[in-house]
Amino acid sequence: MILLEPHGAGTKYTAIAIHGDRDGAQKHAKMGFHDGWGKALDQLVRLAKTM
């Protein structure tokens, strides 16, 4: 789930991931899940600045 909310002069971005179980969460963490979200957000910010 992605939430976008006004925050001061910008926007607060919240990403929520719900895994079916602890093993699924750990598997995604080992695959770089957190880093992937950060990279995706960086790409979204760069795109938004071009519009």
C-alpha atoms as a PDB file:
ATOM      1  CA  MET A   1       0.000   0.000   0.000  1.00  0.00           C
ATOM      2  CA  ILE A   2       1.248   3.497  -0.840  1.00  0.00           C
ATOM      3  CA  LEU A   3      -0.022   6.555   1.023  1.00  0.00           C
ATOM      4  CA  LEU A   4       0.646  10.126  -0.138  1.00  0.00           C
ATOM      5  CA  GLU A   5      -0.271  12.961   2.235  1.00  0.00           C
ATOM      6  CA  PRO A   6       0.368  16.713   2.267  1.00  0.00           C
ATOM      7  CA  HIS A   7       3.222  17.539   4.632  1.00  0.00           C
ATOM      8  CA  GLY A   8       4.335  21.138   4.967  1.00  0.00           C
ATOM      9  CA  ALA A   9       5.527  22.300   1.549  1.00  0.00           C
ATOM     10  CA  GLY A  10       5.926  18.716   0.354  1.00  0.00           C
ATOM     11  CA  THR A  11       4.386  15.290   0.461  1.00  0.00           C
ATOM     12  CA  LYS A  12       4.711  12.500   2.991  1.00  0.00           C
ATOM     13  CA  TYR A  13       5.214   9.125   1.266  1.00  0.00           C
ATOM     14  CA  THR A  14       4.419   5.980   3.252  1.00  0.00           C
ATOM     15  CA  ALA A  15       4.847   2.467   1.850  1.00  0.00           C
ATOM     16  CA  ILE A  16       3.310  -0.412   3.792  1.00  0.00           C
ATOM     17  CA  ALA A  17       4.086  -4.041   2.985  1.00  0.00           C
ATOM     18  CA  ILE A  18       2.109  -6.830   4.598  1.00  0.00           C
ATOM     19  CA  HIS A  19       3.589 -10.305   4.347  1.00  0.00           C
ATOM     20  CA  GLY A  20       1.677 -13.531   4.878  1.00  0.00           C
ATOM     21  CA  ASP A  21       4.147 -14.762   7.481  1.00  0.00           C
ATOM     22  CA  ARG A  22       7.520 -14.095   9.079  1.00  0.00           C
ATOM     23  CA  ASP A  23       9.340 -16.331   6.587  1.00  0.00           C
ATOM     24  CA  GLY A  24       7.965 -14.311   3.658  1.00  0.00           C
ATOM     25  CA  ALA A  25       9.046 -11.059   5.292  1.00  0.00           C
ATOM     26  CA  GLN A  26      12.538 -12.402   5.968  1.00  0.00           C
ATOM     27  CA  LYS A  27      12.850 -13.740   2.417  1.00  0.00           C
ATOM     28  CA  HIS A  28      11.955 -10.333   0.955  1.00  0.00           C
ATOM     29  CA  ALA A  29      14.365  -8.594   3.323  1.00  0.00           C
ATOM     30  CA  LYS A  30      17.207 -10.880   2.186  1.00  0.00           C
ATOM     31  CA  MET A  31      16.331 -10.113  -1.462  1.00  0.00           C
ATOM     32  CA  GLY A  32      16.843  -6.374  -0.865  1.00  0.00           C
ATOM     33  CA  PHE A  33      13.184  -5.423  -0.425  1.00  0.00           C
ATOM     34  CA  HIS A  34      13.965  -2.286   1.600  1.00  0.00           C
ATOM     35  CA  ASP A  35      16.670  -1.060  -0.763  1.00  0.00           C
ATOM     36  CA  GLY A  36      14.350  -1.658  -3.710  1.00  0.00           C
ATOM     37  CA  TRP A  37      11.666   0.583  -2.236  1.00  0.00           C
ATOM     38  CA  GLY A  38      14.223   3.327  -1.685  1.00  0.00           C
ATOM     39  CA  LYS A  39      15.454   3.090  -5.263  1.00  0.00           C
ATOM     40  CA  ALA A  40      11.889   3.127  -6.595  1.00  0.00           C
ATOM     41  CA  LEU A  41      11.118   6.238  -4.548  1.00  0.00           C
ATOM     42  CA  ASP A  42      14.253   7.979  -5.830  1.00  0.00           C
ATOM     43  CA  GLN A  43      13.122   7.227  -9.396  1.00  0.00           C
ATOM     44  CA  LEU A  44       9.618   8.541  -8.670  1.00  0.00           C
ATOM     45  CA  VAL A  45      11.047  11.788  -7.246  1.00  0.00           C
ATOM     46  CA  ARG A  46      13.267  12.295 -10.314  1.00  0.00           C
ATOM     47  CA  LEU A  47      10.271  11.718 -12.596  1.00  0.00           C
ATOM     48  CA  ALA A  48       8.034  14.079 -10.632  1.00  0.00           C
ATOM     49  CA  LYS A  49      10.629  16.848 -10.888  1.00  0.00           C
ATOM     50  CA  THR A  50      10.487  16.657 -14.696  1.00  0.00           C
ATOM     51  CA  MET A  51       6.745  17.291 -14.836  1.00  0.00           C
END
